[in-house]
């Protein structure tokens, strides 16, 4: 999810500014129709605001969509993971180092040295898990979103002005902005966590999904069942069930919760669209804007 450079307030971005840009730049069709992503076979995909990135099975990274800040200009080399932020992207190379590219006005693309096991790009900050398990964040810190707690973590998720991580004991810790309760993680043991605009979702060790925070559009009403993955978008969420089918819930004005049929390896929920990796390793995206412009404003820094 990305901001608008010359807006008088970088806190609120009105929908009218991005209606057609998201539909065109994200590479997704309108009205919930499916659109195949770039050619090739992929192991991972990350959907954001106006751009997406994926890791091909050969380890190379390809990004598509808007490139106003160079967020599509992925460096050469082999990567194990990639993450698309609002106007910047980051990836973990196979040697464990992190590379970021795109907007860097807050230092969000200035990746620290060292070896990492995971990285997550938010709006104007990024976080990574060092091979030691310590979490390190960099970039904008208006709400303490880069003040990661001490301890050993398995994974981390950055979005808006908040961050969350899963500790090695399975507990979820969140920090940063908490105006919707997105940082009020529930108790229990989790295997994964994903933070969105104003809500967060986690995958419990028993495979059930729990979401917390803003629920104005039902984005925190996770369905019953057992899942292998979950992703929190802006006003919606998606997950991969253990039977490899997709389930999405929440705001659906643009068809972003109309998940395609078939088997999937992974899913990533963005602002008004989502992308998934099919069992055959191809990428498909769905959602984006329809002809109508909703009255709501999208606070991409939430």
C-alpha atoms as a PDB file:
ATOM      1  CA  UNK A   1       0.000   0.000   0.000  1.00  0.00           C
ATOM      2  CA  UNK A   2       1.484   3.344  -1.041  1.00  0.00           C
ATOM      3  CA  UNK A   3       1.029   6.984  -0.270  1.00  0.00           C
ATOM      4  CA  UNK A   4       0.604  10.129  -2.382  1.00  0.00           C
ATOM      5  CA  UNK A   5       3.746  12.231  -2.514  1.00  0.00           C
ATOM      6  CA  UNK A   6       2.340  15.739  -2.735  1.00  0.00           C
ATOM      7  CA  UNK A   7      -0.852  15.418  -0.682  1.00  0.00           C
ATOM      8  CA  UNK A   8      -1.202  18.094   2.025  1.00  0.00           C
ATOM      9  CA  UNK A   9      -1.774  15.349   4.551  1.00  0.00           C
ATOM     10  CA  UNK A  10      -0.093  11.984   4.061  1.00  0.00           C
ATOM     11  CA  UNK A  11      -2.483  10.414   6.551  1.00  0.00           C
ATOM     12  CA  UNK A  12      -5.572  10.213   4.313  1.00  0.00           C
ATOM     13  CA  UNK A  13      -5.750   9.285   0.652  1.00  0.00           C
ATOM     14  CA  UNK A  14      -9.162   9.649  -0.992  1.00  0.00           C
ATOM     15  CA  UNK A  15     -10.430   6.872  -3.172  1.00  0.00           C
ATOM     16  CA  UNK A  16     -11.028   9.186  -6.112  1.00  0.00           C
ATOM     17  CA  UNK A  17      -7.270   9.640  -6.481  1.00  0.00           C
ATOM     18  CA  UNK A  18      -6.657   5.961  -7.072  1.00  0.00           C
ATOM     19  CA  UNK A  19      -9.804   4.546  -8.674  1.00  0.00           C
ATOM     20  CA  UNK A  20      -8.472   3.870 -12.144  1.00  0.00           C
ATOM     21  CA  UNK A  21      -4.826   3.627 -11.133  1.00  0.00           C
ATOM     22  CA  UNK A  22      -5.329   0.565  -8.991  1.00  0.00           C
ATOM     23  CA  UNK A  23      -7.354  -1.209 -11.648  1.00  0.00           C
ATOM     24  CA  UNK A  24      -4.751  -0.554 -14.314  1.00  0.00           C
ATOM     25  CA  UNK A  25      -1.537  -0.674 -12.333  1.00  0.00           C
ATOM     26  CA  UNK A  26      -2.219  -3.653 -10.131  1.00  0.00           C
ATOM     27  CA  UNK A  27      -2.707  -5.848 -13.159  1.00  0.00           C
ATOM     28  CA  UNK A  28      -6.151  -7.019 -12.016  1.00  0.00           C
ATOM     29  CA  UNK A  29      -9.517  -6.783 -13.746  1.00  0.00           C
ATOM     30  CA  UNK A  30     -12.447  -4.832 -12.342  1.00  0.00           C
ATOM     31  CA  UNK A  31     -15.550  -6.196 -10.717  1.00  0.00           C
ATOM     32  CA  UNK A  32     -13.938  -9.241  -9.178  1.00  0.00           C
ATOM     33  CA  UNK A  33     -12.904 -10.794 -12.472  1.00  0.00           C
ATOM     34  CA  UNK A  34      -9.768 -12.903 -12.548  1.00  0.00           C
ATOM     35  CA  UNK A  35      -6.628 -11.813 -14.310  1.00  0.00           C
ATOM     36  CA  UNK A  36      -3.578 -13.979 -14.762  1.00  0.00           C
ATOM     37  CA  UNK A  37      -0.400 -12.446 -13.414  1.00  0.00           C
ATOM     38  CA  UNK A  38       2.917 -12.360 -15.273  1.00  0.00           C
ATOM     39  CA  UNK A  39       4.011 -15.427 -17.141  1.00  0.00           C
ATOM     40  CA  UNK A  40       6.112 -18.017 -15.432  1.00  0.00           C
ATOM     41  CA  UNK A  41       6.010 -20.231 -12.359  1.00  0.00           C
ATOM     42  CA  UNK A  42       6.068 -18.664  -8.907  1.00  0.00           C
ATOM     43  CA  UNK A  43       6.675 -19.788  -5.357  1.00  0.00           C
ATOM     44  CA  UNK A  44       5.358 -16.635  -3.643  1.00  0.00           C
ATOM     45  CA  UNK A  45       3.407 -13.437  -4.354  1.00  0.00           C
ATOM     46  CA  UNK A  46       2.784 -10.186  -2.445  1.00  0.00           C
ATOM     47  CA  UNK A  47      -0.086  -7.809  -3.309  1.00  0.00           C
ATOM     48  CA  UNK A  48      -0.173  -4.221  -2.074  1.00  0.00           C
ATOM     49  CA  UNK A  49      -1.651  -0.886  -3.196  1.00  0.00           C
ATOM     50  CA  UNK A  50      -0.768  -0.266  -6.821  1.00  0.00           C
ATOM     51  CA  UNK A  51       1.902  -2.881  -7.375  1.00  0.00           C
ATOM     52  CA  UNK A  52       2.633  -6.533  -6.698  1.00  0.00           C
ATOM     53  CA  UNK A  53       5.770  -8.654  -6.581  1.00  0.00           C
ATOM     54  CA  UNK A  54       6.444 -12.352  -6.888  1.00  0.00           C
ATOM     55  CA  UNK A  55       9.308 -14.804  -6.530  1.00  0.00           C
ATOM     56  CA  UNK A  56       9.736 -17.111  -9.508  1.00  0.00           C
ATOM     57  CA  UNK A  57      10.710 -20.720  -8.892  1.00  0.00           C
ATOM     58  CA  UNK A  58      14.225 -19.882 -10.096  1.00  0.00           C
ATOM     59  CA  UNK A  59      14.516 -17.295  -7.306  1.00  0.00           C
ATOM     60  CA  UNK A  60      14.282 -14.192  -9.460  1.00  0.00           C
ATOM     61  CA  UNK A  61      11.866 -11.439  -8.430  1.00  0.00           C
ATOM     62  CA  UNK A  62       9.417  -9.758 -10.816  1.00  0.00           C
ATOM     63  CA  UNK A  63       7.120  -6.850  -9.881  1.00  0.00           C
ATOM     64  CA  UNK A  64       4.264  -5.336 -11.882  1.00  0.00           C
ATOM     65  CA  UNK A  65       1.943  -2.347 -11.622  1.00  0.00           C
ATOM     66  CA  UNK A  66       2.733   1.283 -10.832  1.00  0.00           C
ATOM     67  CA  UNK A  67       6.394   2.285 -10.822  1.00  0.00           C
ATOM     68  CA  UNK A  68       6.297   5.942  -9.795  1.00  0.00           C
ATOM     69  CA  UNK A  69       8.959   5.427  -7.137  1.00  0.00           C
ATOM     70  CA  UNK A  70      10.849   2.547  -8.700  1.00  0.00           C
ATOM     71  CA  UNK A  71       9.011  -0.048  -6.640  1.00  0.00           C
ATOM     72  CA  UNK A  72       9.041  -2.424  -9.618  1.00  0.00           C
ATOM     73  CA  UNK A  73      12.776  -2.185 -10.206  1.00  0.00           C
ATOM     74  CA  UNK A  74      13.725  -5.397  -8.453  1.00  0.00           C
ATOM     75  CA  UNK A  75      17.467  -6.085  -8.401  1.00  0.00           C
ATOM     76  CA  UNK A  76      19.006  -9.084 -10.047  1.00  0.00           C
ATOM     77  CA  UNK A  77      19.883 -12.184  -8.102  1.00  0.00           C
ATOM     78  CA  UNK A  78      18.142 -15.068  -6.362  1.00  0.00           C
ATOM     79  CA  UNK A  79      15.635 -14.432  -3.568  1.00  0.00           C
ATOM     80  CA  UNK A  80      13.788 -16.624  -1.108  1.00  0.00           C
ATOM     81  CA  UNK A  81      11.040 -14.109  -0.261  1.00  0.00           C
ATOM     82  CA  UNK A  82       9.601 -10.778  -1.430  1.00  0.00           C
ATOM     83  CA  UNK A  83       7.200  -8.221   0.061  1.00  0.00           C
ATOM     84  CA  UNK A  84       5.384  -5.300  -1.591  1.00  0.00           C
ATOM     85  CA  UNK A  85       4.824  -2.197   0.532  1.00  0.00           C
ATOM     86  CA  UNK A  86       2.949   0.949  -0.425  1.00  0.00           C
ATOM     87  CA  UNK A  87       5.645   2.468  -2.636  1.00  0.00           C
ATOM     88  CA  UNK A  88       8.637   0.275  -1.892  1.00  0.00           C
ATOM     89  CA  UNK A  89       9.476  -3.409  -2.002  1.00  0.00           C
ATOM     90  CA  UNK A  90      11.910  -5.630  -0.146  1.00  0.00           C
ATOM     91  CA  UNK A  91      13.230  -9.133  -0.552  1.00  0.00           C
ATOM     92  CA  UNK A  92      15.388 -11.666   1.252  1.00  0.00           C
ATOM     93  CA  UNK A  93      18.208 -12.957  -0.918  1.00  0.00           C
ATOM     94  CA  UNK A  94      19.236 -16.599  -0.745  1.00  0.00           C
ATOM     95  CA  UNK A  95      22.332 -15.539   1.209  1.00  0.00           C
ATOM     96  CA  UNK A  96      20.072 -13.991   3.876  1.00  0.00           C
ATOM     97  CA  UNK A  97      20.762 -10.350   3.077  1.00  0.00           C
ATOM     98  CA  UNK A  98      17.842  -7.948   2.515  1.00  0.00           C
ATOM     99  CA  UNK A  99      17.490  -5.651  -0.481  1.00  0.00           C
ATOM    100  CA  UNK A 100      14.829  -2.947  -0.765  1.00  0.00           C
ATOM    101  CA  UNK A 101      13.920  -0.673  -3.669  1.00  0.00           C
ATOM    102  CA  UNK A 102      11.435   2.121  -4.377  1.00  0.00           C
ATOM    103  CA  UNK A 103      10.343   5.051  -2.230  1.00  0.00           C
ATOM    104  CA  UNK A 104      12.843   5.828   0.514  1.00  0.00           C
ATOM    105  CA  UNK A 105      11.800   9.210   1.907  1.00  0.00           C
ATOM    106  CA  UNK A 106      11.599   7.777   5.447  1.00  0.00           C
ATOM    107  CA  UNK A 107      14.445   5.315   5.080  1.00  0.00           C
ATOM    108  CA  UNK A 108      12.033   2.414   4.552  1.00  0.00           C
ATOM    109  CA  UNK A 109      14.143   1.118   1.649  1.00  0.00           C
ATOM    110  CA  UNK A 110      17.463   1.459   3.454  1.00  0.00           C
ATOM    111  CA  UNK A 111      17.820  -2.151   4.519  1.00  0.00           C
ATOM    112  CA  UNK A 112      20.247  -2.858   7.379  1.00  0.00           C
ATOM    113  CA  UNK A 113      23.212  -5.122   6.941  1.00  0.00           C
ATOM    114  CA  UNK A 114      23.220  -8.663   8.254  1.00  0.00           C
ATOM    115  CA  UNK A 115      21.391 -11.869   7.544  1.00  0.00           C
ATOM    116  CA  UNK A 116      17.621 -12.222   7.820  1.00  0.00           C
ATOM    117  CA  UNK A 117      15.106 -15.039   7.605  1.00  0.00           C
ATOM    118  CA  UNK A 118      12.087 -12.833   6.774  1.00  0.00           C
ATOM    119  CA  UNK A 119      11.135  -9.282   5.795  1.00  0.00           C
ATOM    120  CA  UNK A 120       7.873  -7.318   5.551  1.00  0.00           C
ATOM    121  CA  UNK A 121       7.297  -3.921   3.894  1.00  0.00           C
ATOM    122  CA  UNK A 122       4.605  -1.622   5.267  1.00  0.00           C
ATOM    123  CA  UNK A 123       3.496   1.855   4.312  1.00  0.00           C
ATOM    124  CA  UNK A 124       6.626   3.832   5.185  1.00  0.00           C
ATOM    125  CA  UNK A 125       8.495   1.339   7.323  1.00  0.00           C
ATOM    126  CA  UNK A 126       9.866  -2.183   7.029  1.00  0.00           C
ATOM    127  CA  UNK A 127      10.641  -4.965   9.483  1.00  0.00           C
ATOM    128  CA  UNK A 128      12.785  -8.062   9.288  1.00  0.00           C
ATOM    129  CA  UNK A 129      13.621 -11.098  11.391  1.00  0.00           C
ATOM    130  CA  UNK A 130      17.362 -11.612  11.794  1.00  0.00           C
ATOM    131  CA  UNK A 131      18.706 -15.169  11.693  1.00  0.00           C
ATOM    132  CA  UNK A 132      19.146 -14.808  15.461  1.00  0.00           C
ATOM    133  CA  UNK A 133      15.361 -14.329  15.773  1.00  0.00           C
ATOM    134  CA  UNK A 134      15.579 -10.674  16.778  1.00  0.00           C
ATOM    135  CA  UNK A 135      13.237  -8.274  14.954  1.00  0.00           C
ATOM    136  CA  UNK A 136      14.666  -5.103  13.454  1.00  0.00           C
ATOM    137  CA  UNK A 137      12.514  -2.405  11.852  1.00  0.00           C
ATOM    138  CA  UNK A 138      13.506   0.718   9.925  1.00  0.00           C
ATOM    139  CA  UNK A 139      11.822   3.778   8.387  1.00  0.00           C
ATOM    140  CA  UNK A 140       9.070   6.051   9.686  1.00  0.00           C
ATOM    141  CA  UNK A 141       8.437   5.848  13.424  1.00  0.00           C
ATOM    142  CA  UNK A 142       5.632   8.352  14.048  1.00  0.00           C
ATOM    143  CA  UNK A 143       3.694   5.793  16.083  1.00  0.00           C
ATOM    144  CA  UNK A 144       6.487   3.572  17.325  1.00  0.00           C
ATOM    145  CA  UNK A 145       6.006   1.088  14.502  1.00  0.00           C
ATOM    146  CA  UNK A 146       9.736   0.379  14.302  1.00  0.00           C
ATOM    147  CA  UNK A 147      10.177  -0.018  18.071  1.00  0.00           C
ATOM    148  CA  UNK A 148      10.184  -3.798  17.960  1.00  0.00           C
ATOM    149  CA  UNK A 149      10.145  -5.555  21.340  1.00  0.00           C
ATOM    150  CA  UNK A 150      13.009  -7.712  22.467  1.00  0.00           C
ATOM    151  CA  UNK A 151      12.854 -11.470  22.210  1.00  0.00           C
ATOM    152  CA  UNK A 152      13.115 -14.199  19.619  1.00  0.00           C
ATOM    153  CA  UNK A 153      10.595 -14.248  16.760  1.00  0.00           C
ATOM    154  CA  UNK A 154       9.634 -16.592  13.957  1.00  0.00           C
ATOM    155  CA  UNK A 155       8.003 -14.048  11.660  1.00  0.00           C
ATOM    156  CA  UNK A 156       6.995 -10.387  11.345  1.00  0.00           C
ATOM    157  CA  UNK A 157       4.333  -8.387   9.488  1.00  0.00           C
ATOM    158  CA  UNK A 158       4.346  -4.631   8.790  1.00  0.00           C
ATOM    159  CA  UNK A 159       1.459  -2.536   7.446  1.00  0.00           C
ATOM    160  CA  UNK A 160       0.136   0.979   7.873  1.00  0.00           C
ATOM    161  CA  UNK A 161       1.808   2.339  10.993  1.00  0.00           C
ATOM    162  CA  UNK A 162       1.764  -0.908  12.936  1.00  0.00           C
ATOM    163  CA  UNK A 163       3.716  -4.143  13.153  1.00  0.00           C
ATOM    164  CA  UNK A 164       3.156  -7.617  14.556  1.00  0.00           C
ATOM    165  CA  UNK A 165       5.318 -10.675  15.046  1.00  0.00           C
ATOM    166  CA  UNK A 166       5.067 -14.276  16.186  1.00  0.00           C
ATOM    167  CA  UNK A 167       7.439 -15.197  19.014  1.00  0.00           C
ATOM    168  CA  UNK A 168       9.101 -18.608  19.142  1.00  0.00           C
ATOM    169  CA  UNK A 169       6.670 -19.663  21.856  1.00  0.00           C
ATOM    170  CA  UNK A 170       3.763 -18.893  19.497  1.00  0.00           C
ATOM    171  CA  UNK A 171       2.607 -15.709  21.226  1.00  0.00           C
ATOM    172  CA  UNK A 172       1.829 -12.693  19.025  1.00  0.00           C
ATOM    173  CA  UNK A 173       3.251  -9.280  19.892  1.00  0.00           C
ATOM    174  CA  UNK A 174       2.179  -6.077  18.109  1.00  0.00           C
ATOM    175  CA  UNK A 175       3.461  -2.508  18.331  1.00  0.00           C
ATOM    176  CA  UNK A 176       2.837   0.884  16.744  1.00  0.00           C
ATOM    177  CA  UNK A 177      -0.472   2.560  15.977  1.00  0.00           C
ATOM    178  CA  UNK A 178      -3.470   0.938  17.638  1.00  0.00           C
ATOM    179  CA  UNK A 179      -6.441   3.190  16.862  1.00  0.00           C
ATOM    180  CA  UNK A 180      -8.616   0.252  15.807  1.00  0.00           C
ATOM    181  CA  UNK A 181      -7.219  -2.317  18.197  1.00  0.00           C
ATOM    182  CA  UNK A 182      -5.134  -3.948  15.475  1.00  0.00           C
ATOM    183  CA  UNK A 183      -2.249  -4.222  17.938  1.00  0.00           C
ATOM    184  CA  UNK A 184      -4.345  -5.896  20.654  1.00  0.00           C
ATOM    185  CA  UNK A 185      -3.318  -9.430  19.837  1.00  0.00           C
ATOM    186  CA  UNK A 186      -5.279 -12.203  21.568  1.00  0.00           C
ATOM    187  CA  UNK A 187      -3.681 -14.779  23.797  1.00  0.00           C
ATOM    188  CA  UNK A 188      -2.835 -18.215  22.538  1.00  0.00           C
ATOM    189  CA  UNK A 189      -0.270 -19.842  20.278  1.00  0.00           C
ATOM    190  CA  UNK A 190       0.014 -18.864  16.628  1.00  0.00           C
ATOM    191  CA  UNK A 191       2.062 -20.049  13.666  1.00  0.00           C
ATOM    192  CA  UNK A 192       1.622 -16.884  11.573  1.00  0.00           C
ATOM    193  CA  UNK A 193       0.307 -13.302  11.766  1.00  0.00           C
ATOM    194  CA  UNK A 194      -0.655 -10.712   9.158  1.00  0.00           C
ATOM    195  CA  UNK A 195      -1.507  -7.068   9.817  1.00  0.00           C
ATOM    196  CA  UNK A 196      -3.668  -5.040   7.428  1.00  0.00           C
ATOM    197  CA  UNK A 197      -5.018  -1.495   7.402  1.00  0.00           C
ATOM    198  CA  UNK A 198      -6.799  -1.437  10.747  1.00  0.00           C
ATOM    199  CA  UNK A 199      -7.123  -5.110  11.577  1.00  0.00           C
ATOM    200  CA  UNK A 200      -4.879  -8.127  11.987  1.00  0.00           C
ATOM    201  CA  UNK A 201      -5.329 -11.854  11.512  1.00  0.00           C
ATOM    202  CA  UNK A 202      -3.395 -14.765  12.894  1.00  0.00           C
ATOM    203  CA  UNK A 203      -3.225 -18.465  12.198  1.00  0.00           C
ATOM    204  CA  UNK A 204      -3.465 -20.452  15.417  1.00  0.00           C
ATOM    205  CA  UNK A 205      -1.420 -23.621  15.800  1.00  0.00           C
ATOM    206  CA  UNK A 206      -4.614 -25.654  15.442  1.00  0.00           C
ATOM    207  CA  UNK A 207      -5.182 -24.110  11.995  1.00  0.00           C
ATOM    208  CA  UNK A 208      -8.086 -21.847  12.950  1.00  0.00           C
ATOM    209  CA  UNK A 209      -7.948 -18.135  12.110  1.00  0.00           C
ATOM    210  CA  UNK A 210      -8.467 -15.332  14.621  1.00  0.00           C
ATOM    211  CA  UNK A 211      -8.747 -11.672  13.578  1.00  0.00           C
ATOM    212  CA  UNK A 212      -8.897  -8.521  15.707  1.00  0.00           C
ATOM    213  CA  UNK A 213      -9.200  -4.758  15.281  1.00  0.00           C
ATOM    214  CA  UNK A 214     -11.457  -2.887  12.870  1.00  0.00           C
ATOM    215  CA  UNK A 215     -14.457  -4.932  11.794  1.00  0.00           C
ATOM    216  CA  UNK A 216     -16.607  -2.336  10.052  1.00  0.00           C
ATOM    217  CA  UNK A 217     -16.815  -4.465   6.919  1.00  0.00           C
ATOM    218  CA  UNK A 218     -16.598  -7.878   8.517  1.00  0.00           C
ATOM    219  CA  UNK A 219     -12.886  -8.179   7.779  1.00  0.00           C
ATOM    220  CA  UNK A 220     -12.299  -9.592  11.259  1.00  0.00           C
ATOM    221  CA  UNK A 221     -15.075 -12.195  11.011  1.00  0.00           C
ATOM    222  CA  UNK A 222     -12.869 -15.112  10.080  1.00  0.00           C
ATOM    223  CA  UNK A 223     -14.784 -18.164   8.869  1.00  0.00           C
ATOM    224  CA  UNK A 224     -14.661 -21.466  10.659  1.00  0.00           C
ATOM    225  CA  UNK A 225     -12.434 -24.219   9.410  1.00  0.00           C
ATOM    226  CA  UNK A 226      -8.776 -25.164   9.265  1.00  0.00           C
ATOM    227  CA  UNK A 227      -6.337 -23.034   7.296  1.00  0.00           C
ATOM    228  CA  UNK A 228      -2.701 -23.225   6.252  1.00  0.00           C
ATOM    229  CA  UNK A 229      -2.219 -19.471   5.624  1.00  0.00           C
ATOM    230  CA  UNK A 230      -3.929 -16.114   6.196  1.00  0.00           C
ATOM    231  CA  UNK A 231      -3.433 -12.591   4.857  1.00  0.00           C
ATOM    232  CA  UNK A 232      -4.995  -9.357   6.141  1.00  0.00           C
ATOM    233  CA  UNK A 233      -5.662  -6.729   3.472  1.00  0.00           C
ATOM    234  CA  UNK A 234      -7.072  -3.248   3.832  1.00  0.00           C
ATOM    235  CA  UNK A 235     -10.772  -3.870   4.505  1.00  0.00           C
ATOM    236  CA  UNK A 236     -10.786  -7.592   3.782  1.00  0.00           C
ATOM    237  CA  UNK A 237      -8.883 -10.792   4.499  1.00  0.00           C
ATOM    238  CA  UNK A 238      -8.090 -14.035   2.704  1.00  0.00           C
ATOM    239  CA  UNK A 239      -6.859 -17.452   3.710  1.00  0.00           C
ATOM    240  CA  UNK A 240      -5.846 -20.779   2.213  1.00  0.00           C
ATOM    241  CA  UNK A 241      -7.741 -23.722   3.661  1.00  0.00           C
ATOM    242  CA  UNK A 242      -6.019 -27.040   4.271  1.00  0.00           C
ATOM    243  CA  UNK A 243      -7.935 -28.424   1.289  1.00  0.00           C
ATOM    244  CA  UNK A 244      -6.038 -25.723  -0.741  1.00  0.00           C
ATOM    245  CA  UNK A 245      -9.202 -23.750  -1.573  1.00  0.00           C
ATOM    246  CA  UNK A 246      -9.389 -20.007  -0.871  1.00  0.00           C
ATOM    247  CA  UNK A 247     -11.722 -18.127   1.444  1.00  0.00           C
ATOM    248  CA  UNK A 248     -11.949 -14.316   1.584  1.00  0.00           C
ATOM    249  CA  UNK A 249     -14.141 -12.136   3.789  1.00  0.00           C
ATOM    250  CA  UNK A 250     -14.883  -8.473   4.475  1.00  0.00           C
ATOM    251  CA  UNK A 251     -15.361  -5.485   2.167  1.00  0.00           C
ATOM    252  CA  UNK A 252     -16.309  -6.635  -1.319  1.00  0.00           C
ATOM    253  CA  UNK A 253     -17.306  -3.554  -3.287  1.00  0.00           C
ATOM    254  CA  UNK A 254     -14.772  -4.411  -5.954  1.00  0.00           C
ATOM    255  CA  UNK A 255     -14.946  -8.187  -5.871  1.00  0.00           C
ATOM    256  CA  UNK A 256     -11.807  -8.593  -3.796  1.00  0.00           C
ATOM    257  CA  UNK A 257     -13.416 -11.326  -1.687  1.00  0.00           C
ATOM    258  CA  UNK A 258     -14.702 -13.227  -4.752  1.00  0.00           C
ATOM    259  CA  UNK A 259     -11.850 -15.699  -4.555  1.00  0.00           C
ATOM    260  CA  UNK A 260     -11.317 -17.862  -7.635  1.00  0.00           C
ATOM    261  CA  UNK A 261     -11.904 -21.568  -7.542  1.00  0.00           C
ATOM    262  CA  UNK A 262      -9.209 -24.161  -7.651  1.00  0.00           C
ATOM    263  CA  UNK A 263      -6.247 -25.129  -5.531  1.00  0.00           C
ATOM    264  CA  UNK A 264      -3.778 -22.580  -4.182  1.00  0.00           C
ATOM    265  CA  UNK A 265      -0.388 -22.621  -2.506  1.00  0.00           C
ATOM    266  CA  UNK A 266      -0.470 -19.018  -1.210  1.00  0.00           C
ATOM    267  CA  UNK A 267      -2.577 -15.851  -1.097  1.00  0.00           C
ATOM    268  CA  UNK A 268      -1.874 -12.169  -0.472  1.00  0.00           C
ATOM    269  CA  UNK A 269      -4.550  -9.538   0.230  1.00  0.00           C
ATOM    270  CA  UNK A 270      -3.820  -5.947  -0.811  1.00  0.00           C
ATOM    271  CA  UNK A 271      -5.925  -2.775  -0.701  1.00  0.00           C
ATOM    272  CA  UNK A 272      -8.735  -3.577  -3.154  1.00  0.00           C
ATOM    273  CA  UNK A 273      -7.387  -6.674  -4.859  1.00  0.00           C
ATOM    274  CA  UNK A 274      -5.676  -9.935  -3.983  1.00  0.00           C
ATOM    275  CA  UNK A 275      -3.272 -12.321  -5.684  1.00  0.00           C
ATOM    276  CA  UNK A 276      -2.652 -16.017  -5.227  1.00  0.00           C
ATOM    277  CA  UNK A 277      -0.267 -18.722  -6.362  1.00  0.00           C
ATOM    278  CA  UNK A 278      -2.120 -21.665  -7.876  1.00  0.00           C
ATOM    279  CA  UNK A 279      -1.065 -25.282  -7.375  1.00  0.00           C
ATOM    280  CA  UNK A 280       0.459 -25.126 -10.829  1.00  0.00           C
ATOM    281  CA  UNK A 281       2.667 -22.222  -9.626  1.00  0.00           C
ATOM    282  CA  UNK A 282       0.956 -19.605 -11.812  1.00  0.00           C
ATOM    283  CA  UNK A 283      -0.232 -16.285 -10.337  1.00  0.00           C
ATOM    284  CA  UNK A 284      -3.789 -14.981 -10.568  1.00  0.00           C
ATOM    285  CA  UNK A 285      -5.213 -11.699  -9.209  1.00  0.00           C
ATOM    286  CA  UNK A 286      -8.792 -10.593  -8.631  1.00  0.00           C
ATOM    287  CA  UNK A 287     -10.757  -7.603  -7.361  1.00  0.00           C
ATOM    288  CA  UNK A 288      -9.735  -3.963  -7.985  1.00  0.00           C
ATOM    289  CA  UNK A 289     -12.026  -1.039  -8.610  1.00  0.00           C
ATOM    290  CA  UNK A 290     -15.359  -1.139 -10.358  1.00  0.00           C
ATOM    291  CA  UNK A 291     -16.913   1.824 -12.158  1.00  0.00           C
ATOM    292  CA  UNK A 292     -18.394   3.260  -9.007  1.00  0.00           C
ATOM    293  CA  UNK A 293     -16.470   5.341  -6.466  1.00  0.00           C
ATOM    294  CA  UNK A 294     -17.419   4.577  -2.849  1.00  0.00           C
ATOM    295  CA  UNK A 295     -17.862   7.382  -0.346  1.00  0.00           C
ATOM    296  CA  UNK A 296     -15.294   5.972   2.076  1.00  0.00           C
ATOM    297  CA  UNK A 297     -11.741   7.276   2.265  1.00  0.00           C
ATOM    298  CA  UNK A 298      -8.833   4.864   2.373  1.00  0.00           C
ATOM    299  CA  UNK A 299      -6.397   5.786   5.143  1.00  0.00           C
ATOM    300  CA  UNK A 300      -3.383   3.961   3.792  1.00  0.00           C
ATOM    301  CA  UNK A 301      -1.389   4.957   6.845  1.00  0.00           C
ATOM    302  CA  UNK A 302      -3.793   3.280   9.268  1.00  0.00           C
END
